Amino acid sequence: MAAEEVKDAVPEPPKNGGQQWAIQRRIEDVFAKLGEKFGDLSGRVVVIIKPETSFEHIGGLAQAKAAVRGFATALTDPELYRKWGITPPKGLLLYGPPGTGKSMLARALATSAGAIFYHLKLMNLTSKFGPTTGEILQEIVGIAKTEGKAVVFLDEATALSLEHLLPPAQAREASARLVAALCEKMDSLDDFSPVIVVASTNRTDSVDPSLVAPGRLDRLVEVTLPDGPAQQEILQLAKTRAENAAGRPLFESLDFRSLLPPMGGMSGAEISEVLRRALEQKVYAAGEGRDAGLVTTQDLLHQIDAYRRIREVVEKIRYGQYL
């Protein structure tokens, strides 16, 4: 199991005191035993004791952020639901195109609620463990119940269909057992259990209907591609992060009127990648002893064009046109 706070190597005690350290060691011990039972979970399950991604770190997505932010109350003040005669939600499904920020929204929810973040990379899990993944999911949700407030994030819920592993008939049968195991565990959560299960998908047609039944992942939040103003906000945030990391200015004044039109249809992840590639070119220039200068609008326009050409090649490979 890999993690920012929980690692394969013995970690240093967290600066925030003994309670976090105790939780960290307990989780390490439990996951070590889980690894002995099922096999290595490294790269498949990530546990972050104290996530630090906030909603302010996410550009655009005003409606999605507002919707997801509201679920923090289910973890921070569940008794408020009791006062209104209802129970807190147990789960939500984030759906939308790849790279739009679904994972960041889930982490931000955990940060906002002061919850432990359990990131389950379902494509990696199912590729190794197949139908046995259902038992692993049950174990991890069970662990989360015992360690206080938790957000259990099921990344790429499409992988639960097992279409990437088995022929259609076998996939349907095995997937039904896997989903049934997950639904059973969600149904067993107490009404006021401090656990929220969040799943993400870019293919709603592949999500088993039983997962979105009442009391399960029954809150749906759409995470859309960014419009022009959101793209500008994403680019500005990525620029600021890079300059803060470098401790110096890295960009000239950018002309967003020139940049936004060719970025139309790009996801937040793609915009960040374009910016990273522009900075990478400066690294190459500096490495060759040339005057790299600051990143300009023209540099970014060049990378936008190059990235679009690369994306076309990737799509052709994905659909077999180059095979």
Protein backbone atom coordinates (compact mmCIF):
# COMPACT_ATOMS: atom_id res chain seq x y z
CA MET A 1 0.00 0.00 0.00
CA ALA A 2 1.36 3.40 -0.98
CA ALA A 3 0.38 6.68 0.63
CA GLU A 4 1.35 10.23 1.35
CA GLU A 5 1.04 9.57 5.09
CA VAL A 6 1.01 5.76 5.26
CA LYS A 7 4.01 4.24 3.48
CA ASP A 8 5.82 0.96 2.99
CA ALA A 9 8.83 2.27 4.91
CA VAL A 10 8.48 3.22 8.57
CA PRO A 11 7.34 6.86 8.46
CA GLU A 12 8.31 9.76 10.66
CA PRO A 13 5.76 10.71 13.34
CA PRO A 14 3.35 13.37 12.08
CA LYS A 15 3.96 16.86 13.37
CA ASN A 16 0.36 17.19 14.50
CA GLY A 17 0.76 14.91 17.49
CA GLY A 18 0.28 11.49 18.96
CA GLN A 19 -3.31 10.85 17.88
CA GLN A 20 -2.52 10.97 14.16
CA TRP A 21 0.62 8.92 14.75
CA ALA A 22 -1.37 6.27 16.61
CA ILE A 23 -3.97 6.10 13.83
CA GLN A 24 -1.22 5.88 11.25
CA ARG A 25 0.48 2.96 13.00
CA ARG A 26 -2.82 1.10 13.50
CA ILE A 27 -3.69 1.45 9.83
CA GLU A 28 -0.20 0.31 8.84
CA ASP A 29 -0.55 -2.79 10.98
CA VAL A 30 -4.01 -3.62 9.63
CA PHE A 31 -2.97 -3.14 6.01
CA ALA A 32 0.17 -5.22 6.55
CA LYS A 33 -2.09 -8.10 7.61
CA LEU A 34 -4.39 -7.38 4.67
CA GLY A 35 -1.38 -7.62 2.36
CA GLU A 36 -0.42 -10.97 3.86
CA LYS A 37 -3.91 -12.26 3.14
CA PHE A 38 -4.48 -10.89 -0.37
CA GLY A 39 -1.10 -9.78 -1.72
CA ASP A 40 0.69 -6.48 -2.27
CA LEU A 41 -1.69 -3.48 -2.31
CA SER A 42 1.01 -0.94 -3.23
CA GLY A 43 -0.19 1.41 -5.95
CA ARG A 44 -3.72 0.10 -5.51
CA VAL A 45 -4.75 1.56 -2.14
CA VAL A 46 -3.58 4.94 -0.89
CA VAL A 47 -4.39 6.15 2.62
CA ILE A 48 -3.90 9.80 3.54
CA ILE A 49 -4.34 10.43 7.26
CA LYS A 50 -4.56 14.21 6.89
CA PRO A 51 -5.41 15.23 3.30
CA GLU A 52 -4.59 18.80 2.38
CA THR A 53 -6.39 19.33 -0.94
CA SER A 54 -8.96 22.06 -0.41
CA PHE A 55 -11.83 23.18 -2.61
CA GLU A 56 -9.86 26.40 -3.18
CA HIS A 57 -7.19 24.32 -4.94
CA ILE A 58 -9.72 23.29 -7.60
CA GLY A 59 -10.33 25.65 -10.51
CA GLY A 60 -13.83 26.06 -11.92
CA LEU A 61 -16.50 23.46 -11.05
CA ALA A 62 -18.51 25.94 -8.97
CA GLN A 63 -21.68 23.80 -8.94
CA ALA A 64 -19.87 20.51 -8.31
CA LYS A 65 -17.78 22.03 -5.51
CA ALA A 66 -20.87 23.47 -3.83
CA ALA A 67 -22.65 20.11 -4.05
CA VAL A 68 -19.73 18.03 -2.74
CA ARG A 69 -18.86 20.55 -0.02
CA GLY A 70 -22.33 20.07 1.45
CA PHE A 71 -21.64 16.40 2.17
CA ALA A 72 -18.98 17.35 4.73
CA THR A 73 -21.81 18.00 7.22
CA ALA A 74 -22.63 14.29 7.17
CA LEU A 75 -19.21 13.70 8.75
CA THR A 76 -18.70 16.83 10.83
CA ASP A 77 -22.20 17.17 12.33
CA PRO A 78 -24.30 14.06 11.66
CA GLU A 79 -26.54 14.88 14.62
CA LEU A 80 -27.85 17.82 12.63
CA TYR A 81 -29.56 15.29 10.36
CA ARG A 82 -31.14 13.62 13.38
CA LYS A 83 -32.59 16.98 14.45
CA TRP A 84 -34.37 17.13 11.12
CA GLY A 85 -35.62 13.56 11.32
CA ILE A 86 -33.41 12.06 8.62
CA THR A 87 -30.15 10.15 8.32
CA PRO A 88 -26.95 11.36 6.61
CA PRO A 89 -26.13 10.14 3.09
CA LYS A 90 -23.77 7.18 2.84
CA GLY A 91 -22.43 7.72 -0.65
CA LEU A 92 -22.23 9.74 -3.81
CA LEU A 93 -21.24 9.19 -7.41
CA LEU A 94 -19.14 11.76 -9.27
CA TYR A 95 -19.56 11.43 -13.02
CA GLY A 96 -18.09 13.25 -15.98
CA PRO A 97 -15.28 13.19 -18.57
CA PRO A 98 -11.74 12.14 -17.61
CA GLY A 99 -9.47 14.77 -16.09
CA THR A 100 -12.22 17.06 -14.82
CA GLY A 101 -11.27 16.90 -11.13
CA LYS A 102 -13.34 14.08 -9.63
CA SER A 103 -10.45 12.74 -7.55
CA MET A 104 -9.59 16.23 -6.30
CA LEU A 105 -13.20 16.80 -5.25
CA ALA A 106 -13.17 13.60 -3.22
CA ARG A 107 -9.91 14.57 -1.51
CA ALA A 108 -11.24 18.08 -0.85
CA LEU A 109 -14.32 16.57 0.80
CA ALA A 110 -12.06 14.59 3.14
CA THR A 111 -9.99 17.69 3.89
CA SER A 112 -13.07 19.80 4.59
CA ALA A 113 -14.46 17.16 6.97
CA GLY A 114 -11.13 16.42 8.68
CA ALA A 115 -11.52 12.80 7.54
CA ILE A 116 -9.03 10.09 6.60
CA PHE A 117 -8.95 9.60 2.82
CA TYR A 118 -8.91 6.03 1.51
CA HIS A 119 -8.19 6.06 -2.23
CA LEU A 120 -9.00 2.72 -3.86
CA LYS A 121 -7.74 2.55 -7.45
CA LEU A 122 -10.26 0.06 -8.75
CA MET A 123 -8.70 -0.52 -12.16
CA ASN A 124 -5.42 -1.53 -10.50
CA LEU A 125 -7.21 -3.57 -7.82
CA THR A 126 -9.46 -5.53 -10.15
CA SER A 127 -6.66 -6.12 -12.64
CA LYS A 128 -4.72 -7.97 -9.93
CA PHE A 129 -7.42 -9.48 -7.74
CA GLY A 130 -10.39 -9.82 -10.12
CA PRO A 131 -13.63 -10.88 -8.42
CA THR A 132 -11.76 -11.20 -5.09
CA THR A 133 -11.69 -7.39 -5.07
CA GLY A 134 -15.12 -7.49 -3.45
CA GLU A 135 -13.69 -9.02 -0.29
CA ILE A 136 -10.91 -6.42 -0.24
CA LEU A 137 -13.45 -3.59 -0.55
CA GLN A 138 -15.42 -5.01 2.35
CA GLU A 139 -12.29 -5.22 4.48
CA ILE A 140 -11.25 -1.63 3.75
CA VAL A 141 -14.69 -0.17 4.44
CA GLY A 142 -14.65 -2.15 7.68
CA ILE A 143 -11.27 -0.64 8.60
CA ALA A 144 -12.53 2.86 7.80
CA LYS A 145 -15.46 2.40 10.20
CA THR A 146 -13.10 1.82 13.12
CA GLU A 147 -10.75 4.79 12.62
CA GLY A 148 -13.07 7.80 12.82
CA LYS A 149 -14.29 10.04 10.03
CA ALA A 150 -13.51 8.61 6.60
CA VAL A 151 -14.00 9.21 2.89
CA VAL A 152 -13.59 5.96 0.95
CA PHE A 153 -12.98 6.85 -2.69
CA LEU A 154 -13.67 4.23 -5.36
CA ASP A 155 -11.75 5.59 -8.34
CA GLU A 156 -12.91 4.44 -11.80
CA ALA A 157 -16.07 2.59 -10.81
CA THR A 158 -16.18 1.35 -14.40
CA ALA A 159 -13.62 -1.27 -13.35
CA LEU A 160 -16.28 -2.99 -11.20
CA SER A 161 -17.82 -4.30 -14.44
CA LEU A 162 -14.67 -6.45 -14.98
CA GLU A 163 -15.07 -5.94 -18.74
CA HIS A 164 -11.31 -5.37 -18.96
CA LEU A 165 -10.58 -8.82 -17.54
CA LEU A 166 -13.17 -11.36 -18.65
CA PRO A 167 -15.41 -12.28 -21.60
CA PRO A 168 -18.85 -10.61 -21.40
CA ALA A 169 -20.81 -13.48 -19.83
CA GLN A 170 -18.16 -14.24 -17.22
CA ALA A 171 -17.64 -10.53 -16.53
CA ARG A 172 -21.34 -10.02 -15.79
CA GLU A 173 -21.46 -12.94 -13.37
CA ALA A 174 -18.24 -12.04 -11.55
CA SER A 175 -19.12 -8.33 -11.47
CA ALA A 176 -22.50 -9.10 -9.93
CA ARG A 177 -20.77 -10.87 -7.03
CA LEU A 178 -18.26 -8.05 -6.59
CA VAL A 179 -20.95 -5.36 -6.59
CA ALA A 180 -23.11 -7.40 -4.23
CA ALA A 181 -20.22 -7.56 -1.74
CA LEU A 182 -19.78 -3.79 -1.88
CA CYS A 183 -23.53 -3.15 -1.54
CA GLU A 184 -23.69 -5.52 1.43
CA LYS A 185 -20.97 -3.57 3.21
CA MET A 186 -22.60 -0.21 2.49
CA ASP A 187 -25.93 -1.53 3.74
CA SER A 188 -24.24 -2.66 6.96
CA LEU A 189 -22.98 0.85 7.77
CA ASP A 190 -24.81 2.39 10.72
CA ASP A 191 -27.17 5.23 9.84
CA PHE A 192 -24.86 7.68 11.59
CA SER A 193 -21.57 5.97 10.75
CA PRO A 194 -18.83 8.57 10.08
CA VAL A 195 -18.04 7.08 6.65
CA ILE A 196 -18.94 8.35 3.19
CA VAL A 197 -18.24 6.22 0.12
CA VAL A 198 -17.51 8.26 -3.01
CA ALA A 199 -17.20 6.69 -6.45
CA SER A 200 -16.21 8.26 -9.76
CA THR A 201 -16.84 7.27 -13.34
CA ASN A 202 -16.63 8.66 -16.86
CA ARG A 203 -19.05 5.99 -18.10
CA THR A 204 -22.38 6.05 -16.32
CA ASP A 205 -23.64 3.25 -18.60
CA SER A 206 -21.18 0.84 -16.96
CA VAL A 207 -22.30 1.49 -13.36
CA ASP A 208 -24.44 -1.27 -11.88
CA PRO A 209 -27.91 0.16 -11.05
CA SER A 210 -27.82 -1.48 -7.62
CA LEU A 211 -24.93 0.80 -6.62
CA VAL A 212 -27.07 3.94 -7.01
CA ALA A 213 -30.06 2.52 -5.14
CA PRO A 214 -31.32 4.56 -2.15
CA GLY A 215 -28.96 4.34 0.81
CA ARG A 216 -25.91 3.61 -1.35
CA LEU A 217 -24.27 5.88 -3.96
CA ASP A 218 -27.59 7.66 -4.33
CA ARG A 219 -26.30 11.26 -4.58
CA LEU A 220 -25.10 12.00 -8.11
CA VAL A 221 -22.88 15.00 -8.91
CA GLU A 222 -21.92 15.88 -12.46
CA VAL A 223 -18.35 17.10 -12.99
CA THR A 224 -18.25 18.88 -16.32
CA LEU A 225 -15.54 20.12 -18.66
CA PRO A 226 -14.58 23.71 -17.79
CA ASP A 227 -15.90 26.69 -19.72
CA GLY A 228 -13.73 29.70 -20.62
CA PRO A 229 -13.72 31.45 -17.21
CA ALA A 230 -13.12 28.12 -15.44
CA GLN A 231 -10.23 27.32 -17.80
CA GLN A 232 -8.65 30.67 -17.00
CA GLU A 233 -9.01 29.96 -13.28
CA ILE A 234 -7.45 26.49 -13.70
CA LEU A 235 -4.54 27.89 -15.69
CA GLN A 236 -3.98 30.65 -13.14
CA LEU A 237 -4.01 28.17 -10.25
CA ALA A 238 -1.53 25.86 -12.02
CA LYS A 239 0.70 28.85 -12.80
CA THR A 240 0.62 29.98 -9.17
CA ARG A 241 1.41 26.49 -7.87
CA ALA A 242 4.44 26.21 -10.15
CA GLU A 243 5.75 29.65 -9.19
CA ASN A 244 5.24 28.94 -5.49
CA ALA A 245 7.13 25.66 -5.86
CA ALA A 246 9.97 27.39 -7.71
CA GLY A 247 9.99 30.41 -5.42
CA ARG A 248 10.22 32.84 -8.33
CA PRO A 249 8.26 34.16 -11.32
CA LEU A 250 8.14 31.69 -14.21
CA PHE A 251 5.67 33.35 -16.59
CA GLU A 252 5.35 36.59 -18.47
CA SER A 253 1.97 38.29 -18.39
CA LEU A 254 -0.39 35.92 -20.22
CA ASP A 255 -2.92 36.93 -22.86
CA PHE A 256 -5.95 34.83 -21.94
CA ARG A 257 -7.94 36.17 -24.88
CA SER A 258 -5.48 34.35 -27.13
CA LEU A 259 -5.16 31.25 -24.96
CA LEU A 260 -8.77 30.39 -24.16
CA PRO A 261 -10.21 29.74 -27.65
CA PRO A 262 -7.71 26.99 -28.62
CA MET A 263 -8.14 25.41 -25.16
CA GLY A 264 -11.86 24.84 -25.82
CA GLY A 265 -12.93 21.34 -24.77
CA MET A 266 -9.81 20.69 -22.70
CA SER A 267 -10.16 19.26 -19.20
CA GLY A 268 -8.47 20.70 -16.15
CA ALA A 269 -5.92 17.89 -16.19
CA GLU A 270 -5.09 18.63 -19.84
CA ILE A 271 -4.66 22.34 -19.17
CA SER A 272 -2.28 21.58 -16.29
CA GLU A 273 -0.36 19.20 -18.54
CA VAL A 274 0.01 21.86 -21.25
CA LEU A 275 1.48 24.24 -18.69
CA ARG A 276 3.81 21.54 -17.37
CA ARG A 277 5.09 20.81 -20.88
CA ALA A 278 5.80 24.49 -21.48
CA LEU A 279 7.86 24.55 -18.29
CA GLU A 280 9.58 21.33 -19.33
CA GLN A 281 10.84 23.01 -22.48
CA LYS A 282 12.43 25.69 -20.28
CA VAL A 283 14.14 22.94 -18.28
CA TYR A 284 15.60 21.49 -21.48
CA ALA A 285 16.82 24.91 -22.61
CA ALA A 286 18.42 25.63 -19.23
CA GLY A 287 20.02 22.19 -19.24
CA GLU A 288 21.68 22.99 -22.55
CA GLY A 289 23.06 26.23 -21.17
CA ARG A 290 20.70 28.45 -23.18
CA ASP A 291 18.80 31.44 -21.83
CA ALA A 292 15.44 29.86 -21.13
CA GLY A 293 13.55 33.06 -20.34
CA LEU A 294 10.04 33.10 -18.90
CA VAL A 295 7.10 31.17 -20.29
CA THR A 296 5.18 33.31 -22.76
CA THR A 297 1.71 33.20 -24.24
CA GLN A 298 3.28 31.96 -27.47
CA ASP A 299 5.02 29.12 -25.61
CA LEU A 300 1.68 27.96 -24.24
CA LEU A 301 -0.06 28.28 -27.61
CA HIS A 302 2.66 26.10 -29.13
CA GLN A 303 2.15 23.45 -26.41
CA ILE A 304 -1.63 23.55 -26.80
CA ASP A 305 -1.25 22.82 -30.51
CA ALA A 306 1.32 20.06 -29.86
CA TYR A 307 -0.83 18.48 -27.17
CA ARG A 308 -3.88 18.36 -29.44
CA ARG A 309 -1.84 16.54 -32.10
CA ILE A 310 -0.58 14.04 -29.51
CA ARG A 311 -4.11 13.48 -28.23
CA GLU A 312 -5.24 12.60 -31.76
CA VAL A 313 -2.51 9.95 -31.97
CA VAL A 314 -3.48 8.54 -28.57
CA GLU A 315 -7.11 8.26 -29.68
CA LYS A 316 -6.07 6.40 -32.83
CA ILE A 317 -3.97 3.96 -30.78
CA ARG A 318 -6.82 3.52 -28.30
CA TYR A 319 -9.28 2.55 -31.02
CA GLY A 320 -6.85 0.31 -32.85
CA GLN A 321 -6.22 2.45 -35.92
CA TYR A 322 -2.45 2.07 -35.52
CA LEU A 323 -2.51 -1.65 -34.71
